[in-house]
Amino acid sequence: MQNFSNISLPEQLRALFLDVTFEDLSWDLHHDFIAARILERGSLQDIKWLRGHWGDIALRDYILNRRGKGLNPRQMRYWQLILDLPADQVDQWIAQFHNSVRGRRTKK
């Protein structure tokens, strides 16, 4: 992974972090938290920023290591297509999502 100690977060991301002191966030120290929040709640512009600064290889590794945690099935499928994630793994994550409390809560 690249060195991001000098990356300052763009103001556009502030709305995603209203529960923390935005100025205290550091990509170097909090990149997992920041990436998770962007992937879960970010706009297309936020995701473009993340991809541009982290890169698709690091983003792919991050999602694979987290096994899709925090993403809903639609988001998992999106990233499967964009980052060429293994379909069998994404299928497994989606099955686990549907068996989770969050997944059962969102079933219609």
N, C-alpha and C. Protein backbone atom coordinates (compact mmCIF):
# COMPACT_ATOMS: atom_id res chain seq x y z
N MET A 1 0.84 -1.18 0.00
CA MET A 1 0.00 0.00 0.00
C MET A 1 0.88 1.24 0.00
N GLN A 2 0.39 2.27 -0.62
CA GLN A 2 1.16 3.50 -0.75
C GLN A 2 1.18 4.28 0.56
N ASN A 3 2.07 5.26 0.65
CA ASN A 3 2.14 6.13 1.81
C ASN A 3 1.18 7.30 1.61
N PHE A 4 0.25 7.45 2.54
CA PHE A 4 -0.77 8.48 2.42
C PHE A 4 -0.71 9.48 3.57
N SER A 5 0.42 9.59 4.23
CA SER A 5 0.48 10.43 5.43
C SER A 5 0.22 11.90 5.14
N ASN A 6 0.42 12.34 3.92
CA ASN A 6 0.20 13.75 3.60
C ASN A 6 -1.15 14.03 2.94
N ILE A 7 -1.99 13.03 2.85
CA ILE A 7 -3.30 13.22 2.22
C ILE A 7 -4.25 13.89 3.21
N SER A 8 -4.81 15.00 2.77
CA SER A 8 -5.84 15.63 3.58
C SER A 8 -7.19 15.27 2.96
N LEU A 9 -8.16 15.06 3.80
CA LEU A 9 -9.47 14.66 3.31
C LEU A 9 -10.19 15.87 2.71
N PRO A 10 -10.83 15.68 1.57
CA PRO A 10 -11.55 16.80 0.96
C PRO A 10 -12.80 17.16 1.77
N GLU A 11 -13.13 18.41 1.73
CA GLU A 11 -14.29 18.92 2.47
C GLU A 11 -15.57 18.18 2.10
N GLN A 12 -15.66 17.68 0.88
CA GLN A 12 -16.87 16.97 0.43
C GLN A 12 -17.18 15.76 1.30
N LEU A 13 -16.17 15.21 2.00
CA LEU A 13 -16.39 14.02 2.83
C LEU A 13 -16.93 14.35 4.22
N ARG A 14 -16.90 15.60 4.61
CA ARG A 14 -17.30 16.00 5.96
C ARG A 14 -18.68 15.45 6.34
N ALA A 15 -19.63 15.50 5.44
CA ALA A 15 -21.00 15.06 5.74
C ALA A 15 -21.08 13.58 6.10
N LEU A 16 -20.08 12.80 5.72
CA LEU A 16 -20.07 11.37 6.05
C LEU A 16 -19.57 11.11 7.47
N PHE A 17 -19.00 12.13 8.10
CA PHE A 17 -18.34 11.94 9.39
C PHE A 17 -18.85 12.91 10.46
N LEU A 18 -20.15 13.10 10.49
CA LEU A 18 -20.74 14.04 11.45
C LEU A 18 -20.65 13.53 12.88
N ASP A 19 -20.39 12.24 13.05
CA ASP A 19 -20.32 11.65 14.39
C ASP A 19 -18.91 11.69 14.98
N VAL A 20 -17.95 12.22 14.23
CA VAL A 20 -16.58 12.34 14.71
C VAL A 20 -16.06 13.74 14.37
N THR A 21 -14.95 14.10 14.96
CA THR A 21 -14.34 15.40 14.63
C THR A 21 -13.57 15.22 13.33
N PHE A 22 -14.11 15.79 12.28
CA PHE A 22 -13.57 15.61 10.93
C PHE A 22 -12.09 16.00 10.86
N GLU A 23 -11.73 17.09 11.51
CA GLU A 23 -10.35 17.58 11.46
C GLU A 23 -9.35 16.61 12.11
N ASP A 24 -9.85 15.75 12.97
CA ASP A 24 -8.98 14.77 13.64
C ASP A 24 -8.74 13.52 12.81
N LEU A 25 -9.48 13.36 11.72
CA LEU A 25 -9.30 12.18 10.88
C LEU A 25 -8.01 12.30 10.07
N SER A 26 -7.30 11.22 10.02
CA SER A 26 -6.06 11.15 9.26
C SER A 26 -6.12 9.90 8.40
N TRP A 27 -5.89 10.07 7.10
CA TRP A 27 -5.89 8.90 6.22
C TRP A 27 -4.86 7.88 6.70
N ASP A 28 -3.72 8.34 7.11
CA ASP A 28 -2.64 7.46 7.54
C ASP A 28 -3.08 6.61 8.73
N LEU A 29 -3.80 7.19 9.66
CA LEU A 29 -4.22 6.47 10.88
C LEU A 29 -5.58 5.80 10.77
N HIS A 30 -6.46 6.36 9.95
CA HIS A 30 -7.86 5.92 9.95
C HIS A 30 -8.37 5.46 8.59
N HIS A 31 -7.49 5.04 7.69
CA HIS A 31 -7.93 4.74 6.33
C HIS A 31 -8.99 3.64 6.27
N ASP A 32 -8.93 2.63 7.15
CA ASP A 32 -9.96 1.59 7.14
C ASP A 32 -11.34 2.17 7.47
N PHE A 33 -11.39 2.99 8.50
CA PHE A 33 -12.64 3.63 8.90
C PHE A 33 -13.16 4.56 7.81
N ILE A 34 -12.28 5.34 7.24
CA ILE A 34 -12.67 6.29 6.19
C ILE A 34 -13.16 5.54 4.96
N ALA A 35 -12.44 4.52 4.53
CA ALA A 35 -12.85 3.75 3.36
C ALA A 35 -14.19 3.08 3.59
N ALA A 36 -14.38 2.49 4.77
CA ALA A 36 -15.65 1.83 5.07
C ALA A 36 -16.80 2.81 4.98
N ARG A 37 -16.63 3.98 5.54
CA ARG A 37 -17.70 4.98 5.54
C ARG A 37 -18.01 5.44 4.12
N ILE A 38 -16.97 5.65 3.32
CA ILE A 38 -17.19 6.07 1.93
C ILE A 38 -17.91 4.98 1.15
N LEU A 39 -17.47 3.74 1.31
CA LEU A 39 -18.10 2.64 0.58
C LEU A 39 -19.56 2.42 1.01
N GLU A 40 -19.85 2.60 2.27
CA GLU A 40 -21.20 2.38 2.78
C GLU A 40 -22.15 3.51 2.45
N ARG A 41 -21.67 4.75 2.54
CA ARG A 41 -22.58 5.90 2.48
C ARG A 41 -22.19 6.98 1.48
N GLY A 42 -21.05 6.83 0.85
CA GLY A 42 -20.54 7.90 0.01
C GLY A 42 -21.25 8.07 -1.31
N SER A 43 -21.12 9.26 -1.85
CA SER A 43 -21.66 9.58 -3.17
C SER A 43 -20.69 9.07 -4.24
N LEU A 44 -21.11 9.15 -5.47
CA LEU A 44 -20.24 8.76 -6.57
C LEU A 44 -18.95 9.59 -6.55
N GLN A 45 -19.07 10.86 -6.25
CA GLN A 45 -17.89 11.73 -6.17
C GLN A 45 -16.95 11.28 -5.04
N ASP A 46 -17.51 10.87 -3.91
CA ASP A 46 -16.70 10.38 -2.79
C ASP A 46 -15.96 9.10 -3.18
N ILE A 47 -16.67 8.21 -3.87
CA ILE A 47 -16.07 6.95 -4.30
C ILE A 47 -14.98 7.21 -5.34
N LYS A 48 -15.19 8.17 -6.21
CA LYS A 48 -14.14 8.53 -7.17
C LYS A 48 -12.90 9.03 -6.46
N TRP A 49 -13.11 9.82 -5.41
CA TRP A 49 -11.96 10.30 -4.63
C TRP A 49 -11.21 9.12 -4.02
N LEU A 50 -11.96 8.20 -3.42
CA LEU A 50 -11.33 7.04 -2.78
C LEU A 50 -10.56 6.20 -3.80
N ARG A 51 -11.15 5.93 -4.93
CA ARG A 51 -10.48 5.14 -5.96
C ARG A 51 -9.25 5.87 -6.49
N GLY A 52 -9.36 7.18 -6.65
CA GLY A 52 -8.24 7.95 -7.17
C GLY A 52 -7.06 8.03 -6.21
N HIS A 53 -7.35 8.03 -4.93
CA HIS A 53 -6.28 8.17 -3.94
C HIS A 53 -5.79 6.85 -3.38
N TRP A 54 -6.62 5.84 -3.41
CA TRP A 54 -6.20 4.55 -2.87
C TRP A 54 -5.85 3.58 -3.97
N GLY A 55 -6.59 3.67 -5.08
CA GLY A 55 -6.38 2.78 -6.21
C GLY A 55 -7.23 1.53 -6.11
N ASP A 56 -7.55 0.96 -7.25
CA ASP A 56 -8.45 -0.20 -7.29
C ASP A 56 -7.83 -1.46 -6.70
N ILE A 57 -6.53 -1.61 -6.80
CA ILE A 57 -5.90 -2.82 -6.24
C ILE A 57 -6.03 -2.81 -4.72
N ALA A 58 -5.72 -1.69 -4.09
CA ALA A 58 -5.85 -1.58 -2.63
C ALA A 58 -7.31 -1.70 -2.22
N LEU A 59 -8.21 -1.10 -2.98
CA LEU A 59 -9.63 -1.17 -2.67
C LEU A 59 -10.14 -2.61 -2.78
N ARG A 60 -9.71 -3.31 -3.81
CA ARG A 60 -10.10 -4.71 -4.00
C ARG A 60 -9.59 -5.55 -2.83
N ASP A 61 -8.35 -5.37 -2.46
CA ASP A 61 -7.78 -6.11 -1.33
C ASP A 61 -8.54 -5.81 -0.04
N TYR A 62 -8.89 -4.56 0.14
CA TYR A 62 -9.63 -4.14 1.34
C TYR A 62 -10.98 -4.85 1.42
N ILE A 63 -11.74 -4.85 0.33
CA ILE A 63 -13.06 -5.48 0.32
C ILE A 63 -12.92 -6.99 0.51
N LEU A 64 -11.95 -7.60 -0.15
CA LEU A 64 -11.73 -9.04 0.01
C LEU A 64 -11.35 -9.38 1.46
N ASN A 65 -10.47 -8.61 2.05
CA ASN A 65 -10.05 -8.87 3.43
C ASN A 65 -11.20 -8.72 4.42
N ARG A 66 -12.10 -7.79 4.13
CA ARG A 66 -13.26 -7.57 5.01
C ARG A 66 -14.43 -8.48 4.65
N ARG A 67 -14.28 -9.25 3.60
CA ARG A 67 -15.31 -10.19 3.14
C ARG A 67 -16.65 -9.47 2.92
N GLY A 68 -16.58 -8.25 2.37
CA GLY A 68 -17.77 -7.49 2.05
C GLY A 68 -18.46 -6.86 3.25
N LYS A 69 -17.85 -6.96 4.41
CA LYS A 69 -18.47 -6.43 5.63
C LYS A 69 -18.83 -4.96 5.47
N GLY A 70 -20.06 -4.64 5.88
CA GLY A 70 -20.54 -3.26 5.83
C GLY A 70 -21.26 -2.91 4.54
N LEU A 71 -21.12 -3.77 3.54
CA LEU A 71 -21.78 -3.52 2.26
C LEU A 71 -23.08 -4.32 2.18
N ASN A 72 -24.05 -3.76 1.49
CA ASN A 72 -25.28 -4.51 1.26
C ASN A 72 -25.11 -5.32 -0.05
N PRO A 73 -26.01 -6.24 -0.33
CA PRO A 73 -25.85 -7.07 -1.53
C PRO A 73 -25.70 -6.29 -2.83
N ARG A 74 -26.43 -5.21 -2.98
CA ARG A 74 -26.31 -4.41 -4.20
C ARG A 74 -24.90 -3.82 -4.33
N GLN A 75 -24.38 -3.31 -3.23
CA GLN A 75 -23.02 -2.76 -3.23
C GLN A 75 -21.99 -3.86 -3.50
N MET A 76 -22.21 -5.03 -2.91
CA MET A 76 -21.28 -6.14 -3.15
C MET A 76 -21.25 -6.51 -4.63
N ARG A 77 -22.41 -6.58 -5.25
CA ARG A 77 -22.46 -6.92 -6.68
C ARG A 77 -21.81 -5.83 -7.52
N TYR A 78 -22.02 -4.58 -7.16
CA TYR A 78 -21.40 -3.47 -7.89
C TYR A 78 -19.88 -3.63 -7.87
N TRP A 79 -19.33 -3.82 -6.66
CA TRP A 79 -17.88 -3.94 -6.55
C TRP A 79 -17.36 -5.23 -7.18
N GLN A 80 -18.18 -6.26 -7.18
CA GLN A 80 -17.80 -7.49 -7.88
C GLN A 80 -17.53 -7.19 -9.35
N LEU A 81 -18.41 -6.42 -9.96
CA LEU A 81 -18.25 -6.08 -11.37
C LEU A 81 -17.10 -5.11 -11.60
N ILE A 82 -17.02 -4.08 -10.80
CA ILE A 82 -16.02 -3.03 -10.99
C ILE A 82 -14.60 -3.53 -10.72
N LEU A 83 -14.45 -4.33 -9.65
CA LEU A 83 -13.11 -4.75 -9.22
C LEU A 83 -12.81 -6.22 -9.53
N ASP A 84 -13.70 -6.86 -10.27
CA ASP A 84 -13.51 -8.26 -10.65
C ASP A 84 -13.31 -9.16 -9.42
N LEU A 85 -14.21 -9.00 -8.46
CA LEU A 85 -14.17 -9.85 -7.27
C LEU A 85 -14.69 -11.24 -7.63
N PRO A 86 -14.18 -12.28 -7.00
CA PRO A 86 -14.63 -13.65 -7.32
C PRO A 86 -16.11 -13.84 -7.00
N ALA A 87 -16.87 -14.28 -7.99
CA ALA A 87 -18.32 -14.43 -7.85
C ALA A 87 -18.69 -15.37 -6.71
N ASP A 88 -17.96 -16.47 -6.55
CA ASP A 88 -18.31 -17.42 -5.50
C ASP A 88 -18.15 -16.80 -4.12
N GLN A 89 -17.14 -15.96 -3.94
CA GLN A 89 -16.96 -15.29 -2.66
C GLN A 89 -18.07 -14.27 -2.41
N VAL A 90 -18.41 -13.50 -3.44
CA VAL A 90 -19.48 -12.51 -3.28
C VAL A 90 -20.81 -13.21 -3.00
N ASP A 91 -21.07 -14.32 -3.67
CA ASP A 91 -22.28 -15.10 -3.40
C ASP A 91 -22.34 -15.53 -1.94
N GLN A 92 -21.21 -15.96 -1.41
CA GLN A 92 -21.14 -16.39 -0.02
C GLN A 92 -21.39 -15.21 0.92
N TRP A 93 -20.79 -14.05 0.63
CA TRP A 93 -21.01 -12.87 1.46
C TRP A 93 -22.48 -12.47 1.47
N ILE A 94 -23.11 -12.54 0.30
CA ILE A 94 -24.52 -12.16 0.20
C ILE A 94 -25.39 -13.13 0.99
N ALA A 95 -25.08 -14.42 0.92
CA ALA A 95 -25.82 -15.41 1.71
C ALA A 95 -25.66 -15.12 3.20
N GLN A 96 -24.45 -14.79 3.61
CA GLN A 96 -24.20 -14.46 5.02
C GLN A 96 -24.95 -13.19 5.42
N PHE A 97 -24.99 -12.22 4.51
CA PHE A 97 -25.72 -10.98 4.78
C PHE A 97 -27.20 -11.30 5.04
N HIS A 98 -27.80 -12.12 4.17
CA HIS A 98 -29.22 -12.44 4.31
C HIS A 98 -29.52 -13.22 5.58
N ASN A 99 -28.54 -13.92 6.11
CA ASN A 99 -28.72 -14.67 7.36
C ASN A 99 -28.38 -13.84 8.60
N SER A 100 -27.87 -12.63 8.39
CA SER A 100 -27.50 -11.76 9.51
C SER A 100 -28.72 -10.99 10.01
N VAL A 101 -28.58 -10.38 11.17
CA VAL A 101 -29.66 -9.55 11.72
C VAL A 101 -29.99 -8.43 10.75
N ARG A 102 -28.96 -7.79 10.21
CA ARG A 102 -29.17 -6.69 9.25
C ARG A 102 -29.91 -7.18 8.02
N GLY A 103 -29.52 -8.34 7.52
CA GLY A 103 -30.17 -8.88 6.33
C GLY A 103 -31.61 -9.28 6.58
N ARG A 104 -31.87 -9.89 7.72
CA ARG A 104 -33.25 -10.29 8.06
C ARG A 104 -34.12 -9.06 8.26
N ARG A 105 -33.52 -8.00 8.76
CA ARG A 105 -34.27 -6.75 9.00
C ARG A 105 -34.67 -6.07 7.69
N THR A 106 -33.88 -6.29 6.63
CA THR A 106 -34.15 -5.60 5.36
C THR A 106 -34.93 -6.47 4.38
N LYS A 107 -35.23 -7.73 4.75
CA LYS A 107 -36.01 -8.59 3.84
C LYS A 107 -37.43 -8.06 3.74
N LYS A 108 -37.99 -8.24 2.54
CA LYS A 108 -39.38 -7.79 2.33
C LYS A 108 -40.32 -8.96 2.41
